[in-house]
mmCIF file of all heavy atoms, coordinates in Angstrom:
data_MODEL
# 
_entry.id   MODEL 
# 
loop_
_atom_site.group_PDB 
_atom_site.id 
_atom_site.type_symbol 
_atom_site.label_atom_id 
_atom_site.label_alt_id 
_atom_site.label_comp_id 
_atom_site.label_asym_id 
_atom_site.label_entity_id 
_atom_site.label_seq_id 
_atom_site.pdbx_PDB_ins_code 
_atom_site.Cartn_x 
_atom_site.Cartn_y 
_atom_site.Cartn_z 
_atom_site.occupancy 
_atom_site.B_iso_or_equiv 
_atom_site.pdbx_formal_charge 
_atom_site.auth_seq_id 
_atom_site.auth_comp_id 
_atom_site.auth_asym_id 
_atom_site.auth_atom_id 
_atom_site.pdbx_PDB_model_num 
ATOM 1   N N   . VAL A 1 1  ? -29.253 -182.055 103.433 1.00 0.00 ? 1  VAL A N   1 
ATOM 2   C CA  . VAL A 1 1  ? -28.551 -183.068 104.134 1.00 0.00 ? 1  VAL A CA  1 
ATOM 3   C C   . VAL A 1 1  ? -27.915 -184.029 103.104 1.00 0.00 ? 1  VAL A C   1 
ATOM 4   O O   . VAL A 1 1  ? -26.765 -184.440 103.250 1.00 0.00 ? 1  VAL A O   1 
ATOM 5   C CB  . VAL A 1 1  ? -29.453 -183.885 105.120 1.00 0.00 ? 1  VAL A CB  1 
ATOM 6   C CG1 . VAL A 1 1  ? -28.709 -185.063 105.691 1.00 0.00 ? 1  VAL A CG1 1 
ATOM 7   C CG2 . VAL A 1 1  ? -29.995 -182.971 106.196 1.00 0.00 ? 1  VAL A CG2 1 
ATOM 8   N N   . ILE A 1 2  ? -28.725 -184.433 102.089 1.00 0.00 ? 2  ILE A N   1 
ATOM 9   C CA  . ILE A 1 2  ? -28.220 -185.329 101.090 1.00 0.00 ? 2  ILE A CA  1 
ATOM 10  C C   . ILE A 1 2  ? -27.026 -184.818 100.317 1.00 0.00 ? 2  ILE A C   1 
ATOM 11  O O   . ILE A 1 2  ? -26.031 -185.489 100.148 1.00 0.00 ? 2  ILE A O   1 
ATOM 12  C CB  . ILE A 1 2  ? -29.373 -185.721 100.134 1.00 0.00 ? 2  ILE A CB  1 
ATOM 13  C CG1 . ILE A 1 2  ? -30.487 -186.538 100.879 1.00 0.00 ? 2  ILE A CG1 1 
ATOM 14  C CG2 . ILE A 1 2  ? -28.850 -186.536 98.917  1.00 0.00 ? 2  ILE A CG2 1 
ATOM 15  C CD1 . ILE A 1 2  ? -31.726 -186.769 100.072 1.00 0.00 ? 2  ILE A CD1 1 
ATOM 16  N N   . TRP A 1 3  ? -27.189 -183.534 99.830  1.00 0.00 ? 3  TRP A N   1 
ATOM 17  C CA  . TRP A 1 3  ? -26.112 -182.927 99.065  1.00 0.00 ? 3  TRP A CA  1 
ATOM 18  C C   . TRP A 1 3  ? -24.821 -182.676 99.938  1.00 0.00 ? 3  TRP A C   1 
ATOM 19  O O   . TRP A 1 3  ? -23.718 -182.799 99.460  1.00 0.00 ? 3  TRP A O   1 
ATOM 20  C CB  . TRP A 1 3  ? -26.579 -181.652 98.434  1.00 0.00 ? 3  TRP A CB  1 
ATOM 21  C CG  . TRP A 1 3  ? -27.412 -181.844 97.259  1.00 0.00 ? 3  TRP A CG  1 
ATOM 22  C CD1 . TRP A 1 3  ? -28.758 -181.527 97.101  1.00 0.00 ? 3  TRP A CD1 1 
ATOM 23  C CD2 . TRP A 1 3  ? -27.047 -182.415 95.978  1.00 0.00 ? 3  TRP A CD2 1 
ATOM 24  N NE1 . TRP A 1 3  ? -29.206 -181.944 95.830  1.00 0.00 ? 3  TRP A NE1 1 
ATOM 25  C CE2 . TRP A 1 3  ? -28.157 -182.475 95.156  1.00 0.00 ? 3  TRP A CE2 1 
ATOM 26  C CE3 . TRP A 1 3  ? -25.827 -182.977 95.501  1.00 0.00 ? 3  TRP A CE3 1 
ATOM 27  C CZ2 . TRP A 1 3  ? -28.157 -182.974 93.852  1.00 0.00 ? 3  TRP A CZ2 1 
ATOM 28  C CZ3 . TRP A 1 3  ? -25.799 -183.472 94.240  1.00 0.00 ? 3  TRP A CZ3 1 
ATOM 29  C CH2 . TRP A 1 3  ? -26.968 -183.465 93.431  1.00 0.00 ? 3  TRP A CH2 1 
ATOM 30  N N   . ALA A 1 4  ? -25.053 -182.289 101.248 1.00 0.00 ? 4  ALA A N   1 
ATOM 31  C CA  . ALA A 1 4  ? -23.912 -182.104 102.136 1.00 0.00 ? 4  ALA A CA  1 
ATOM 32  C C   . ALA A 1 4  ? -23.162 -183.405 102.266 1.00 0.00 ? 4  ALA A C   1 
ATOM 33  O O   . ALA A 1 4  ? -21.944 -183.442 102.250 1.00 0.00 ? 4  ALA A O   1 
ATOM 34  C CB  . ALA A 1 4  ? -24.370 -181.583 103.434 1.00 0.00 ? 4  ALA A CB  1 
ATOM 35  N N   . ALA A 1 5  ? -23.927 -184.494 102.470 1.00 0.00 ? 5  ALA A N   1 
ATOM 36  C CA  . ALA A 1 5  ? -23.258 -185.813 102.717 1.00 0.00 ? 5  ALA A CA  1 
ATOM 37  C C   . ALA A 1 5  ? -22.520 -186.231 101.482 1.00 0.00 ? 5  ALA A C   1 
ATOM 38  O O   . ALA A 1 5  ? -21.389 -186.738 101.555 1.00 0.00 ? 5  ALA A O   1 
ATOM 39  C CB  . ALA A 1 5  ? -24.323 -186.835 103.111 1.00 0.00 ? 5  ALA A CB  1 
ATOM 40  N N   . LEU A 1 6  ? -23.097 -186.033 100.258 1.00 0.00 ? 6  LEU A N   1 
ATOM 41  C CA  . LEU A 1 6  ? -22.407 -186.350 98.998  1.00 0.00 ? 6  LEU A CA  1 
ATOM 42  C C   . LEU A 1 6  ? -21.165 -185.572 98.777  1.00 0.00 ? 6  LEU A C   1 
ATOM 43  O O   . LEU A 1 6  ? -20.147 -186.105 98.401  1.00 0.00 ? 6  LEU A O   1 
ATOM 44  C CB  . LEU A 1 6  ? -23.387 -186.210 97.860  1.00 0.00 ? 6  LEU A CB  1 
ATOM 45  C CG  . LEU A 1 6  ? -24.506 -187.212 97.664  1.00 0.00 ? 6  LEU A CG  1 
ATOM 46  C CD1 . LEU A 1 6  ? -25.483 -186.860 96.592  1.00 0.00 ? 6  LEU A CD1 1 
ATOM 47  C CD2 . LEU A 1 6  ? -23.921 -188.633 97.362  1.00 0.00 ? 6  LEU A CD2 1 
ATOM 48  N N   . ALA A 1 7  ? -21.284 -184.301 99.086  1.00 0.00 ? 7  ALA A N   1 
ATOM 49  C CA  . ALA A 1 7  ? -20.101 -183.400 98.806  1.00 0.00 ? 7  ALA A CA  1 
ATOM 50  C C   . ALA A 1 7  ? -18.981 -183.792 99.722  1.00 0.00 ? 7  ALA A C   1 
ATOM 51  O O   . ALA A 1 7  ? -17.761 -183.813 99.254  1.00 0.00 ? 7  ALA A O   1 
ATOM 52  C CB  . ALA A 1 7  ? -20.514 -181.935 99.045  1.00 0.00 ? 7  ALA A CB  1 
ATOM 53  N N   . PHE A 1 8  ? -19.238 -184.048 100.985 1.00 0.00 ? 8  PHE A N   1 
ATOM 54  C CA  . PHE A 1 8  ? -18.127 -184.379 101.904 1.00 0.00 ? 8  PHE A CA  1 
ATOM 55  C C   . PHE A 1 8  ? -17.675 -185.770 101.820 1.00 0.00 ? 8  PHE A C   1 
ATOM 56  O O   . PHE A 1 8  ? -16.594 -186.086 102.270 1.00 0.00 ? 8  PHE A O   1 
ATOM 57  C CB  . PHE A 1 8  ? -18.494 -183.918 103.296 1.00 0.00 ? 8  PHE A CB  1 
ATOM 58  C CG  . PHE A 1 8  ? -18.742 -182.416 103.393 1.00 0.00 ? 8  PHE A CG  1 
ATOM 59  C CD1 . PHE A 1 8  ? -19.973 -181.923 103.703 1.00 0.00 ? 8  PHE A CD1 1 
ATOM 60  C CD2 . PHE A 1 8  ? -17.697 -181.545 103.066 1.00 0.00 ? 8  PHE A CD2 1 
ATOM 61  C CE1 . PHE A 1 8  ? -20.166 -180.504 103.749 1.00 0.00 ? 8  PHE A CE1 1 
ATOM 62  C CE2 . PHE A 1 8  ? -17.896 -180.183 103.090 1.00 0.00 ? 8  PHE A CE2 1 
ATOM 63  C CZ  . PHE A 1 8  ? -19.133 -179.598 103.402 1.00 0.00 ? 8  PHE A CZ  1 
ATOM 64  N N   . ALA A 1 9  ? -18.486 -186.597 101.249 1.00 0.00 ? 9  ALA A N   1 
ATOM 65  C CA  . ALA A 1 9  ? -17.995 -187.965 100.947 1.00 0.00 ? 9  ALA A CA  1 
ATOM 66  C C   . ALA A 1 9  ? -16.919 -187.855 99.900  1.00 0.00 ? 9  ALA A C   1 
ATOM 67  O O   . ALA A 1 9  ? -15.919 -188.614 99.905  1.00 0.00 ? 9  ALA A O   1 
ATOM 68  C CB  . ALA A 1 9  ? -19.195 -188.859 100.426 1.00 0.00 ? 9  ALA A CB  1 
ATOM 69  N N   . ALA A 1 10 ? -17.066 -186.998 98.936  1.00 0.00 ? 10 ALA A N   1 
ATOM 70  C CA  . ALA A 1 10 ? -16.101 -186.766 97.932  1.00 0.00 ? 10 ALA A CA  1 
ATOM 71  C C   . ALA A 1 10 ? -14.717 -186.247 98.508  1.00 0.00 ? 10 ALA A C   1 
ATOM 72  O O   . ALA A 1 10 ? -13.649 -186.621 98.120  1.00 0.00 ? 10 ALA A O   1 
ATOM 73  C CB  . ALA A 1 10 ? -16.557 -185.762 96.838  1.00 0.00 ? 10 ALA A CB  1 
ATOM 74  N N   . ILE A 1 11 ? -14.874 -185.312 99.509  1.00 0.00 ? 11 ILE A N   1 
ATOM 75  C CA  . ILE A 1 11 ? -13.712 -184.765 100.226 1.00 0.00 ? 11 ILE A CA  1 
ATOM 76  C C   . ILE A 1 11 ? -12.989 -185.905 100.930 1.00 0.00 ? 11 ILE A C   1 
ATOM 77  O O   . ILE A 1 11 ? -11.763 -185.966 100.955 1.00 0.00 ? 11 ILE A O   1 
ATOM 78  C CB  . ILE A 1 11 ? -14.142 -183.655 101.197 1.00 0.00 ? 11 ILE A CB  1 
ATOM 79  C CG1 . ILE A 1 11 ? -14.609 -182.413 100.347 1.00 0.00 ? 11 ILE A CG1 1 
ATOM 80  C CG2 . ILE A 1 11 ? -12.943 -183.243 102.013 1.00 0.00 ? 11 ILE A CG2 1 
ATOM 81  C CD1 . ILE A 1 11 ? -15.104 -181.299 101.171 1.00 0.00 ? 11 ILE A CD1 1 
ATOM 82  N N   . GLN A 1 12 ? -13.777 -186.821 101.545 1.00 0.00 ? 12 GLN A N   1 
ATOM 83  C CA  . GLN A 1 12 ? -13.173 -187.900 102.325 1.00 0.00 ? 12 GLN A CA  1 
ATOM 84  C C   . GLN A 1 12 ? -12.417 -188.873 101.303 1.00 0.00 ? 12 GLN A C   1 
ATOM 85  O O   . GLN A 1 12 ? -11.381 -189.392 101.679 1.00 0.00 ? 12 GLN A O   1 
ATOM 86  C CB  . GLN A 1 12 ? -14.321 -188.694 103.030 1.00 0.00 ? 12 GLN A CB  1 
ATOM 87  C CG  . GLN A 1 12 ? -14.718 -187.924 104.288 1.00 0.00 ? 12 GLN A CG  1 
ATOM 88  C CD  . GLN A 1 12 ? -15.956 -188.576 104.880 1.00 0.00 ? 12 GLN A CD  1 
ATOM 89  O OE1 . GLN A 1 12 ? -16.943 -187.940 105.058 1.00 0.00 ? 12 GLN A OE1 1 
ATOM 90  N NE2 . GLN A 1 12 ? -15.883 -189.850 105.142 1.00 0.00 ? 12 GLN A NE2 1 
ATOM 91  N N   . LEU A 1 13 ? -12.969 -189.084 100.177 1.00 0.00 ? 13 LEU A N   1 
ATOM 92  C CA  . LEU A 1 13 ? -12.289 -189.897 99.135  1.00 0.00 ? 13 LEU A CA  1 
ATOM 93  C C   . LEU A 1 13 ? -10.904 -189.280 98.837  1.00 0.00 ? 13 LEU A C   1 
ATOM 94  O O   . LEU A 1 13 ? -9.849  -189.978 98.673  1.00 0.00 ? 13 LEU A O   1 
ATOM 95  C CB  . LEU A 1 13 ? -13.057 -190.034 97.888  1.00 0.00 ? 13 LEU A CB  1 
ATOM 96  C CG  . LEU A 1 13 ? -14.233 -191.014 97.911  1.00 0.00 ? 13 LEU A CG  1 
ATOM 97  C CD1 . LEU A 1 13 ? -15.074 -190.977 96.637  1.00 0.00 ? 13 LEU A CD1 1 
ATOM 98  C CD2 . LEU A 1 13 ? -13.719 -192.467 98.178  1.00 0.00 ? 13 LEU A CD2 1 
ATOM 99  N N   . LEU A 1 14 ? -10.895 -187.946 98.705  1.00 0.00 ? 14 LEU A N   1 
ATOM 100 C CA  . LEU A 1 14 ? -9.623  -187.169 98.437  1.00 0.00 ? 14 LEU A CA  1 
ATOM 101 C C   . LEU A 1 14 ? -8.670  -187.337 99.558  1.00 0.00 ? 14 LEU A C   1 
ATOM 102 O O   . LEU A 1 14 ? -7.488  -187.605 99.375  1.00 0.00 ? 14 LEU A O   1 
ATOM 103 C CB  . LEU A 1 14 ? -9.926  -185.691 98.162  1.00 0.00 ? 14 LEU A CB  1 
ATOM 104 C CG  . LEU A 1 14 ? -8.753  -184.798 97.976  1.00 0.00 ? 14 LEU A CG  1 
ATOM 105 C CD1 . LEU A 1 14 ? -7.997  -185.200 96.695  1.00 0.00 ? 14 LEU A CD1 1 
ATOM 106 C CD2 . LEU A 1 14 ? -9.192  -183.359 97.870  1.00 0.00 ? 14 LEU A CD2 1 
ATOM 107 N N   . GLY A 1 15 ? -9.214  -187.286 100.814 1.00 0.00 ? 15 GLY A N   1 
ATOM 108 C CA  . GLY A 1 15 ? -8.374  -187.472 101.978 1.00 0.00 ? 15 GLY A CA  1 
ATOM 109 C C   . GLY A 1 15 ? -7.738  -188.865 102.055 1.00 0.00 ? 15 GLY A C   1 
ATOM 110 O O   . GLY A 1 15 ? -6.540  -189.062 102.352 1.00 0.00 ? 15 GLY A O   1 
ATOM 111 N N   . MET A 1 16 ? -8.555  -189.874 101.706 1.00 0.00 ? 16 MET A N   1 
ATOM 112 C CA  . MET A 1 16 ? -8.071  -191.290 101.669 1.00 0.00 ? 16 MET A CA  1 
ATOM 113 C C   . MET A 1 16 ? -6.978  -191.454 100.598 1.00 0.00 ? 16 MET A C   1 
ATOM 114 O O   . MET A 1 16 ? -5.994  -192.094 100.801 1.00 0.00 ? 16 MET A O   1 
ATOM 115 C CB  . MET A 1 16 ? -9.223  -192.255 101.487 1.00 0.00 ? 16 MET A CB  1 
ATOM 116 C CG  . MET A 1 16 ? -10.111 -192.510 102.685 1.00 0.00 ? 16 MET A CG  1 
ATOM 117 S SD  . MET A 1 16 ? -11.320 -193.786 102.480 1.00 0.00 ? 16 MET A SD  1 
ATOM 118 C CE  . MET A 1 16 ? -12.535 -192.989 101.438 1.00 0.00 ? 16 MET A CE  1 
ATOM 119 N N   . LEU A 1 17 ? -7.189  -190.828 99.440  1.00 0.00 ? 17 LEU A N   1 
ATOM 120 C CA  . LEU A 1 17 ? -6.217  -190.946 98.375  1.00 0.00 ? 17 LEU A CA  1 
ATOM 121 C C   . LEU A 1 17 ? -4.902  -190.271 98.741  1.00 0.00 ? 17 LEU A C   1 
ATOM 122 O O   . LEU A 1 17 ? -3.810  -190.918 98.495  1.00 0.00 ? 17 LEU A O   1 
ATOM 123 C CB  . LEU A 1 17 ? -6.801  -190.262 97.102  1.00 0.00 ? 17 LEU A CB  1 
ATOM 124 C CG  . LEU A 1 17 ? -5.897  -190.133 95.865  1.00 0.00 ? 17 LEU A CG  1 
ATOM 125 C CD1 . LEU A 1 17 ? -5.558  -191.555 95.397  1.00 0.00 ? 17 LEU A CD1 1 
ATOM 126 C CD2 . LEU A 1 17 ? -6.550  -189.326 94.773  1.00 0.00 ? 17 LEU A CD2 1 
ATOM 127 N N   . CYS A 1 18 ? -4.950  -189.123 99.389  1.00 0.00 ? 18 CYS A N   1 
ATOM 128 C CA  . CYS A 1 18 ? -3.698  -188.463 99.767  1.00 0.00 ? 18 CYS A CA  1 
ATOM 129 C C   . CYS A 1 18 ? -2.925  -189.249 100.849 1.00 0.00 ? 18 CYS A C   1 
ATOM 130 O O   . CYS A 1 18 ? -1.751  -189.365 100.751 1.00 0.00 ? 18 CYS A O   1 
ATOM 131 C CB  . CYS A 1 18 ? -4.045  -187.039 100.395 1.00 0.00 ? 18 CYS A CB  1 
ATOM 132 S SG  . CYS A 1 18 ? -4.665  -185.839 99.135  1.00 0.00 ? 18 CYS A SG  1 
ATOM 133 N N   . ALA A 1 19 ? -3.717  -189.807 101.789 1.00 0.00 ? 19 ALA A N   1 
ATOM 134 C CA  . ALA A 1 19 ? -3.080  -190.624 102.798 1.00 0.00 ? 19 ALA A CA  1 
ATOM 135 C C   . ALA A 1 19 ? -2.431  -191.906 102.193 1.00 0.00 ? 19 ALA A C   1 
ATOM 136 O O   . ALA A 1 19 ? -1.350  -192.295 102.612 1.00 0.00 ? 19 ALA A O   1 
ATOM 137 C CB  . ALA A 1 19 ? -4.082  -191.062 103.872 1.00 0.00 ? 19 ALA A CB  1 
ATOM 138 N N   . CYS A 1 20 ? -3.113  -192.515 101.232 1.00 0.00 ? 20 CYS A N   1 
ATOM 139 C CA  . CYS A 1 20 ? -2.534  -193.706 100.570 1.00 0.00 ? 20 CYS A CA  1 
ATOM 140 C C   . CYS A 1 20 ? -1.279  -193.343 99.765  1.00 0.00 ? 20 CYS A C   1 
ATOM 141 O O   . CYS A 1 20 ? -0.310  -194.148 99.769  1.00 0.00 ? 20 CYS A O   1 
ATOM 142 C CB  . CYS A 1 20 ? -3.564  -194.323 99.624  1.00 0.00 ? 20 CYS A CB  1 
ATOM 143 S SG  . CYS A 1 20 ? -4.931  -195.127 100.505 1.00 0.00 ? 20 CYS A SG  1 
ATOM 144 N N   . ILE A 1 21 ? -1.228  -192.124 99.159  1.00 0.00 ? 21 ILE A N   1 
ATOM 145 C CA  . ILE A 1 21 ? -0.029  -191.733 98.461  1.00 0.00 ? 21 ILE A CA  1 
ATOM 146 C C   . ILE A 1 21 ? 1.149   -191.552 99.449  1.00 0.00 ? 21 ILE A C   1 
ATOM 147 O O   . ILE A 1 21 ? 2.279   -192.011 99.112  1.00 0.00 ? 21 ILE A O   1 
ATOM 148 C CB  . ILE A 1 21 ? -0.328  -190.384 97.708  1.00 0.00 ? 21 ILE A CB  1 
ATOM 149 C CG1 . ILE A 1 21 ? -1.298  -190.619 96.550  1.00 0.00 ? 21 ILE A CG1 1 
ATOM 150 C CG2 . ILE A 1 21 ? 0.993   -189.765 97.161  1.00 0.00 ? 21 ILE A CG2 1 
ATOM 151 C CD1 . ILE A 1 21 ? -1.706  -189.330 95.894  1.00 0.00 ? 21 ILE A CD1 1 
ATOM 152 N N   . VAL A 1 22 ? 0.869   -190.927 100.579 1.00 0.00 ? 22 VAL A N   1 
ATOM 153 C CA  . VAL A 1 22 ? 1.928   -190.779 101.557 1.00 0.00 ? 22 VAL A CA  1 
ATOM 154 C C   . VAL A 1 22 ? 2.395   -192.119 102.095 1.00 0.00 ? 22 VAL A C   1 
ATOM 155 O O   . VAL A 1 22 ? 3.583   -192.343 102.311 1.00 0.00 ? 22 VAL A O   1 
ATOM 156 C CB  . VAL A 1 22 ? 1.449   -189.892 102.748 1.00 0.00 ? 22 VAL A CB  1 
ATOM 157 C CG1 . VAL A 1 22 ? 2.461   -189.799 103.805 1.00 0.00 ? 22 VAL A CG1 1 
ATOM 158 C CG2 . VAL A 1 22 ? 1.137   -188.486 102.306 1.00 0.00 ? 22 VAL A CG2 1 
ATOM 159 N N   . LEU A 1 23 ? 1.460   -193.017 102.318 1.00 0.00 ? 23 LEU A N   1 
ATOM 160 C CA  . LEU A 1 23 ? 1.811   -194.418 102.757 1.00 0.00 ? 23 LEU A CA  1 
ATOM 161 C C   . LEU A 1 23 ? 2.700   -195.098 101.710 1.00 0.00 ? 23 LEU A C   1 
ATOM 162 O O   . LEU A 1 23 ? 3.686   -195.759 102.077 1.00 0.00 ? 23 LEU A O   1 
ATOM 163 C CB  . LEU A 1 23 ? 0.502   -195.193 102.981 1.00 0.00 ? 23 LEU A CB  1 
ATOM 164 C CG  . LEU A 1 23 ? -0.104  -195.174 104.394 1.00 0.00 ? 23 LEU A CG  1 
ATOM 165 C CD1 . LEU A 1 23 ? -1.436  -195.895 104.430 1.00 0.00 ? 23 LEU A CD1 1 
ATOM 166 C CD2 . LEU A 1 23 ? 0.859   -195.774 105.418 1.00 0.00 ? 23 LEU A CD2 1 
ATOM 167 N N   . CYS A 1 24 ? 2.376   -195.003 100.436 1.00 0.00 ? 24 CYS A N   1 
ATOM 168 C CA  . CYS A 1 24 ? 3.124   -195.702 99.435  1.00 0.00 ? 24 CYS A CA  1 
ATOM 169 C C   . CYS A 1 24 ? 4.526   -195.100 99.311  1.00 0.00 ? 24 CYS A C   1 
ATOM 170 O O   . CYS A 1 24 ? 5.504   -195.801 99.187  1.00 0.00 ? 24 CYS A O   1 
ATOM 171 C CB  . CYS A 1 24 ? 2.405   -195.521 98.056  1.00 0.00 ? 24 CYS A CB  1 
ATOM 172 S SG  . CYS A 1 24 ? 0.861   -196.495 97.940  1.00 0.00 ? 24 CYS A SG  1 
ATOM 173 N N   . ARG A 1 25 ? 4.623   -193.774 99.471  1.00 0.00 ? 25 ARG A N   1 
ATOM 174 C CA  . ARG A 1 25 ? 5.941   -193.100 99.395  1.00 0.00 ? 25 ARG A CA  1 
ATOM 175 C C   . ARG A 1 25 ? 6.781   -193.537 100.597 1.00 0.00 ? 25 ARG A C   1 
ATOM 176 O O   . ARG A 1 25 ? 7.966   -193.752 100.463 1.00 0.00 ? 25 ARG A O   1 
ATOM 177 C CB  . ARG A 1 25 ? 5.770   -191.576 99.384  1.00 0.00 ? 25 ARG A CB  1 
ATOM 178 C CG  . ARG A 1 25 ? 7.061   -190.803 99.146  1.00 0.00 ? 25 ARG A CG  1 
ATOM 179 C CD  . ARG A 1 25 ? 6.816   -189.325 99.315  1.00 0.00 ? 25 ARG A CD  1 
ATOM 180 N NE  . ARG A 1 25 ? 6.557   -189.012 100.737 1.00 0.00 ? 25 ARG A NE  1 
ATOM 181 C CZ  . ARG A 1 25 ? 6.277   -187.757 101.142 1.00 0.00 ? 25 ARG A CZ  1 
ATOM 182 N NH1 . ARG A 1 25 ? 6.278   -186.778 100.294 1.00 0.00 ? 25 ARG A NH1 1 
ATOM 183 N NH2 . ARG A 1 25 ? 6.063   -187.557 102.397 1.00 0.00 ? 25 ARG A NH2 1 
ATOM 184 N N   . ARG A 1 26 ? 6.129   -193.617 101.759 1.00 0.00 ? 26 ARG A N   1 
ATOM 185 C CA  . ARG A 1 26 ? 6.839   -194.009 102.967 1.00 0.00 ? 26 ARG A CA  1 
ATOM 186 C C   . ARG A 1 26 ? 7.346   -195.448 102.858 1.00 0.00 ? 26 ARG A C   1 
ATOM 187 O O   . ARG A 1 26 ? 8.449   -195.751 103.285 1.00 0.00 ? 26 ARG A O   1 
ATOM 188 C CB  . ARG A 1 26 ? 5.865   -193.938 104.143 1.00 0.00 ? 26 ARG A CB  1 
ATOM 189 C CG  . ARG A 1 26 ? 6.527   -194.195 105.512 1.00 0.00 ? 26 ARG A CG  1 
ATOM 190 C CD  . ARG A 1 26 ? 7.288   -192.976 105.955 1.00 0.00 ? 26 ARG A CD  1 
ATOM 191 N NE  . ARG A 1 26 ? 7.911   -193.227 107.227 1.00 0.00 ? 26 ARG A NE  1 
ATOM 192 C CZ  . ARG A 1 26 ? 9.131   -193.695 107.437 1.00 0.00 ? 26 ARG A CZ  1 
ATOM 193 N NH1 . ARG A 1 26 ? 9.918   -193.962 106.414 1.00 0.00 ? 26 ARG A NH1 1 
ATOM 194 N NH2 . ARG A 1 26 ? 9.630   -193.819 108.653 1.00 0.00 ? 26 ARG A NH2 1 
ATOM 195 N N   . SER A 1 27 ? 6.579   -196.320 102.196 1.00 0.00 ? 27 SER A N   1 
ATOM 196 C CA  . SER A 1 27 ? 6.976   -197.705 102.095 1.00 0.00 ? 27 SER A CA  1 
ATOM 197 C C   . SER A 1 27 ? 8.198   -197.874 101.069 1.00 0.00 ? 27 SER A C   1 
ATOM 198 O O   . SER A 1 27 ? 8.899   -198.876 101.170 1.00 0.00 ? 27 SER A O   1 
ATOM 199 C CB  . SER A 1 27 ? 5.860   -198.639 101.640 1.00 0.00 ? 27 SER A CB  1 
ATOM 200 O OG  . SER A 1 27 ? 5.389   -198.242 100.346 1.00 0.00 ? 27 SER A OG  1 
ATOM 201 N N   . ARG A 1 28 ? 8.345   -196.917 100.157 1.00 0.00 ? 28 ARG A N   1 
ATOM 202 C CA  . ARG A 1 28 ? 9.418   -196.970 99.253  1.00 0.00 ? 28 ARG A CA  1 
ATOM 203 C C   . ARG A 1 28 ? 10.744  -196.302 99.701  1.00 0.00 ? 28 ARG A C   1 
ATOM 204 O O   . ARG A 1 28 ? 11.732  -196.429 99.060  1.00 0.00 ? 28 ARG A O   1 
ATOM 205 C CB  . ARG A 1 28 ? 9.007   -196.324 97.884  1.00 0.00 ? 28 ARG A CB  1 
ATOM 206 C CG  . ARG A 1 28 ? 7.962   -197.084 97.096  1.00 0.00 ? 28 ARG A CG  1 
ATOM 207 C CD  . ARG A 1 28 ? 7.995   -196.619 95.599  1.00 0.00 ? 28 ARG A CD  1 
ATOM 208 N NE  . ARG A 1 28 ? 7.676   -195.189 95.559  1.00 0.00 ? 28 ARG A NE  1 
ATOM 209 C CZ  . ARG A 1 28 ? 6.480   -194.701 95.416  1.00 0.00 ? 28 ARG A CZ  1 
ATOM 210 N NH1 . ARG A 1 28 ? 5.411   -195.585 95.335  1.00 0.00 ? 28 ARG A NH1 1 
ATOM 211 N NH2 . ARG A 1 28 ? 6.219   -193.416 95.326  1.00 0.00 ? 28 ARG A NH2 1 
# 
């Protein structure tokens, strides 16, 4: 459970980063 939560927390960070990049591009 611990390792699964840590691994997918990393995936979520990647998802947030990608969404922020799209948001920044959209604002420009």
